Amino acid sequence: MTKLFLHSREMKSVFQLLGEHENDISYSVAWGLTQCPSFLKVFLRSVLNWNGGVDEVEIRMQEYEKGKGFTDIEIELTQQFHLIIEAKRGWNLPGIAQLQKYATRKSFLQSPCPDKRLIVLSECSKDYAKHRVPDQVNGFSVEVLSWKDFYQFSKLAHASGTHAEKRLLQELNVYLGSLMTMQKQDSNMVYVVSVGGGTPEGWSANYNRFIT
């Protein structure tokens, strides 16, 4: 098969051509959810325990509100649910101030949907994130998901999807899989310090005691 390279790196998914910044990832996932009803159903069932139809669901990206900034992804079904997804690259997590902006958006507060939630999406596991992300903001639940979760949602959806959905989900999984395996080259960096065995004048403890 012919291979495609961009800046000497092989492109194995059409989504890789879009890029790997936070917005690029958000756009890719939103496109997958929009074009693959099976993927959207798995996601909604896992997060909301929703088993209804998805034909009337609206997915919006980069919605702006003065003083509240842009949302990455919003998923809404009128009179049912309204989700705001904040997507982060790597192990970054949003601060409470950022979540507060989303939870106080006029469009979100005035939404007639009975189920309104904020969803934080990042590389972090739930165990790691739960100590750093509040359970609620302004009375709205905050759910934590990882890119690995979305990868699994996509794999589950692949089994029940149409041929067209299967092809797109394969592309999306290659993309998400490459993101999950990427890490900073210095993330495992350690520092080696040479410590003498003596004791500073006037001190009762030696250098080793301070280090250990």
Protein backbone atom coordinates (compact mmCIF):
# COMPACT_ATOMS: atom_id res chain seq x y z
CA MET A 1 0.00 0.00 0.00
CA THR A 2 1.21 3.50 -0.81
CA LYS A 3 2.37 5.41 2.27
CA LEU A 4 1.76 9.08 3.01
CA PHE A 5 4.27 11.17 4.97
CA LEU A 6 3.90 14.65 6.41
CA HIS A 7 7.13 16.27 7.61
CA SER A 8 8.76 12.82 7.49
CA ARG A 9 6.08 11.29 9.70
CA GLU A 10 3.80 8.61 8.29
CA MET A 11 0.11 9.51 8.29
CA LYS A 12 -1.99 6.47 9.12
CA SER A 13 -5.30 8.25 9.66
CA VAL A 14 -7.04 11.10 7.89
CA PHE A 15 -7.53 12.72 11.31
CA GLN A 16 -3.76 13.01 11.74
CA LEU A 17 -3.76 15.46 8.85
CA LEU A 18 -5.91 17.79 10.94
CA GLY A 19 -3.32 17.90 13.71
CA GLU A 20 -2.87 16.91 17.33
CA HIS A 21 -3.62 20.11 19.24
CA GLU A 22 -6.55 20.25 21.65
CA ASN A 23 -8.94 21.79 19.12
CA ASP A 24 -7.88 19.30 16.46
CA ILE A 25 -8.69 16.39 18.77
CA SER A 26 -12.03 17.95 19.74
CA TYR A 27 -13.01 18.44 16.10
CA SER A 28 -12.08 14.85 15.27
CA VAL A 29 -14.10 13.36 18.12
CA ALA A 30 -17.08 15.63 17.40
CA TRP A 31 -17.02 14.59 13.74
CA GLY A 32 -16.91 10.94 14.74
CA LEU A 33 -19.86 11.35 17.10
CA THR A 34 -21.84 13.18 14.42
CA GLN A 35 -21.13 10.78 11.57
CA CYS A 36 -21.39 7.54 13.56
CA PRO A 37 -24.70 7.16 15.44
CA SER A 38 -23.42 3.91 16.94
CA PHE A 39 -20.49 5.82 18.50
CA LEU A 40 -22.79 8.54 19.86
CA LYS A 41 -25.14 5.93 21.32
CA VAL A 42 -22.32 4.12 23.12
CA PHE A 43 -21.06 7.42 24.52
CA LEU A 44 -24.48 8.57 25.75
CA ARG A 45 -25.30 5.17 27.20
CA SER A 46 -22.01 5.08 29.10
CA VAL A 47 -22.23 8.64 30.44
CA LEU A 48 -25.97 9.24 30.86
CA ASN A 49 -27.44 5.73 30.69
CA TRP A 50 -29.35 7.10 27.69
CA ASN A 51 -30.87 4.48 25.40
CA GLY A 52 -33.12 6.68 23.30
CA GLY A 53 -32.74 7.88 19.74
CA VAL A 54 -30.02 10.26 18.59
CA ASP A 55 -31.40 11.61 15.31
CA GLU A 56 -32.33 14.96 16.88
CA VAL A 57 -29.13 15.40 18.89
CA GLU A 58 -27.15 18.57 18.13
CA ILE A 59 -23.37 18.68 18.50
CA ARG A 60 -21.82 22.14 18.52
CA MET A 61 -18.19 23.22 18.64
CA GLN A 62 -16.54 26.48 19.68
CA GLU A 63 -19.73 28.16 20.88
CA TYR A 64 -18.89 31.64 22.17
CA GLU A 65 -20.50 33.61 24.97
CA LYS A 66 -19.25 37.00 26.10
CA GLY A 67 -17.25 36.75 29.30
CA LYS A 68 -17.50 32.96 29.31
CA GLY A 69 -15.22 32.06 26.41
CA PHE A 70 -15.61 29.18 23.96
CA THR A 71 -16.80 25.66 24.63
CA ASP A 72 -14.94 22.77 23.02
CA ILE A 73 -17.97 20.55 22.40
CA GLU A 74 -21.63 20.81 23.37
CA ILE A 75 -24.04 17.91 22.95
CA GLU A 76 -27.74 18.65 23.37
CA LEU A 77 -31.06 16.94 22.86
CA THR A 78 -33.91 19.37 23.49
CA GLN A 79 -35.86 18.64 26.67
CA GLN A 80 -33.48 15.78 27.54
CA PHE A 81 -29.82 16.57 28.12
CA HIS A 82 -27.19 19.25 27.60
CA LEU A 83 -23.50 18.40 27.96
CA ILE A 84 -20.49 20.70 27.81
CA ILE A 85 -17.23 18.88 27.14
CA GLU A 86 -13.90 20.48 28.00
CA ALA A 87 -11.18 18.56 26.16
CA LYS A 88 -7.56 18.73 27.27
CA ARG A 89 -4.37 17.46 25.66
CA GLY A 90 -2.25 15.15 27.79
CA TRP A 91 -2.60 15.22 31.57
CA ASN A 92 -3.71 18.84 31.77
CA LEU A 93 -6.94 19.50 33.65
CA PRO A 94 -9.16 22.61 33.71
CA GLY A 95 -9.22 24.75 36.83
CA ILE A 96 -12.34 25.48 38.83
CA ALA A 97 -12.49 29.01 37.37
CA GLN A 98 -12.74 27.62 33.84
CA LEU A 99 -15.42 25.11 34.81
CA GLN A 100 -17.29 27.88 36.61
CA LYS A 101 -17.44 29.87 33.37
CA TYR A 102 -19.10 26.95 31.61
CA ALA A 103 -21.50 26.28 34.48
CA THR A 104 -22.69 29.90 34.46
CA ARG A 105 -23.17 30.35 30.72
CA LYS A 106 -26.55 31.89 29.99
CA SER A 107 -27.34 29.32 27.30
CA PHE A 108 -26.54 26.49 29.71
CA LEU A 109 -28.47 27.91 32.65
CA GLN A 110 -31.53 28.64 30.51
CA SER A 111 -31.50 25.30 28.75
CA PRO A 112 -34.77 23.44 29.49
CA CYS A 113 -32.96 20.10 29.58
CA PRO A 114 -33.38 18.31 32.94
CA ASP A 115 -29.96 16.63 32.71
CA LYS A 116 -27.10 19.14 32.41
CA ARG A 117 -23.50 18.15 33.04
CA LEU A 118 -19.92 19.23 32.50
CA ILE A 119 -17.52 16.62 31.17
CA VAL A 120 -13.76 16.87 31.51
CA LEU A 121 -11.89 14.90 28.86
CA SER A 122 -8.14 14.36 29.14
CA GLU A 123 -5.42 11.73 29.28
CA CYS A 124 -5.88 11.40 33.06
CA SER A 125 -7.39 8.36 34.69
CA LYS A 126 -10.48 8.85 36.84
CA ASP A 127 -8.52 8.00 39.98
CA TYR A 128 -6.01 10.74 39.22
CA ALA A 129 -8.55 13.33 38.13
CA LYS A 130 -11.11 12.84 40.89
CA HIS A 131 -8.75 14.45 43.42
CA ARG A 132 -8.17 17.44 41.15
CA VAL A 133 -11.59 18.06 39.59
CA PRO A 134 -14.67 18.94 41.69
CA ASP A 135 -17.70 16.64 41.65
CA GLN A 136 -19.99 19.61 41.09
CA VAL A 137 -19.76 23.20 39.90
CA ASN A 138 -22.63 25.62 40.42
CA GLY A 139 -24.88 22.65 41.18
CA PHE A 140 -24.05 20.76 37.96
CA SER A 141 -22.34 17.38 38.00
CA VAL A 142 -18.82 17.17 36.61
CA GLU A 143 -17.93 13.87 34.93
CA VAL A 144 -14.37 12.81 34.15
CA LEU A 145 -13.49 10.80 31.04
CA SER A 146 -10.18 9.89 29.45
CA TRP A 147 -9.18 9.61 25.81
CA LYS A 148 -8.80 5.91 26.53
CA ASP A 149 -12.51 5.83 27.41
CA PHE A 150 -13.36 7.37 24.04
CA TYR A 151 -11.07 4.87 22.36
CA GLN A 152 -13.04 2.07 24.04
CA PHE A 153 -16.38 3.68 23.11
CA SER A 154 -15.24 3.74 19.50
CA LYS A 155 -14.18 0.10 19.60
CA LEU A 156 -17.53 -0.95 21.07
CA ALA A 157 -19.41 1.08 18.46
CA HIS A 158 -17.39 -0.53 15.67
CA ALA A 159 -19.10 -3.87 16.26
CA SER A 160 -22.60 -2.48 15.63
CA GLY A 161 -21.82 0.23 13.10
CA THR A 162 -22.52 0.29 9.38
CA HIS A 163 -19.71 -0.31 6.91
CA ALA A 164 -19.24 3.45 6.53
CA GLU A 165 -19.18 3.91 10.30
CA LYS A 166 -16.67 1.09 10.71
CA ARG A 167 -14.27 2.73 8.26
CA LEU A 168 -14.49 6.09 10.00
CA LEU A 169 -14.16 4.57 13.47
CA GLN A 170 -11.08 2.65 12.35
CA GLU A 171 -9.52 5.94 11.27
CA LEU A 172 -10.53 7.59 14.55
CA ASN A 173 -9.13 4.75 16.65
CA VAL A 174 -5.78 4.90 14.89
CA TYR A 175 -5.74 8.63 15.63
CA LEU A 176 -6.76 8.31 19.28
CA GLY A 177 -4.39 5.40 19.78
CA SER A 178 -1.46 7.45 18.52
CA LEU A 179 -2.34 10.25 20.94
CA MET A 180 -2.48 7.92 23.91
CA THR A 181 0.97 6.52 23.23
CA MET A 182 2.64 9.90 22.76
CA GLN A 183 4.43 11.45 25.73
CA LYS A 184 7.07 14.03 26.38
CA GLN A 185 10.51 12.63 25.83
CA ASP A 186 11.68 14.06 29.16
CA SER A 187 8.67 12.83 31.14
CA ASN A 188 10.75 10.06 32.73
CA MET A 189 13.76 12.25 33.35
CA VAL A 190 15.60 11.67 36.64
CA TYR A 191 18.33 13.68 38.27
CA VAL A 192 21.49 12.08 39.61
CA VAL A 193 23.19 13.94 42.42
CA SER A 194 26.62 13.06 43.67
CA VAL A 195 26.68 13.39 47.45
CA GLY A 196 29.76 13.39 49.61
CA GLY A 197 29.96 11.38 52.77
CA GLY A 198 31.10 14.14 55.08
CA THR A 199 29.27 16.23 57.65
CA PRO A 200 29.10 20.03 57.38
CA GLU A 201 30.88 21.87 60.15
CA GLY A 202 28.51 22.58 63.02
CA TRP A 203 25.88 20.09 61.80
CA SER A 204 24.91 16.80 63.43
CA ALA A 205 23.62 15.19 60.22
CA ASN A 206 25.66 14.33 57.14
CA TYR A 207 24.78 15.08 53.52
CA ASN A 208 23.17 11.67 52.96
CA ARG A 209 20.64 12.32 55.72
CA PHE A 210 19.39 15.44 53.95
CA ILE A 211 18.98 13.70 50.60
CA THR A 212 17.23 10.59 51.87
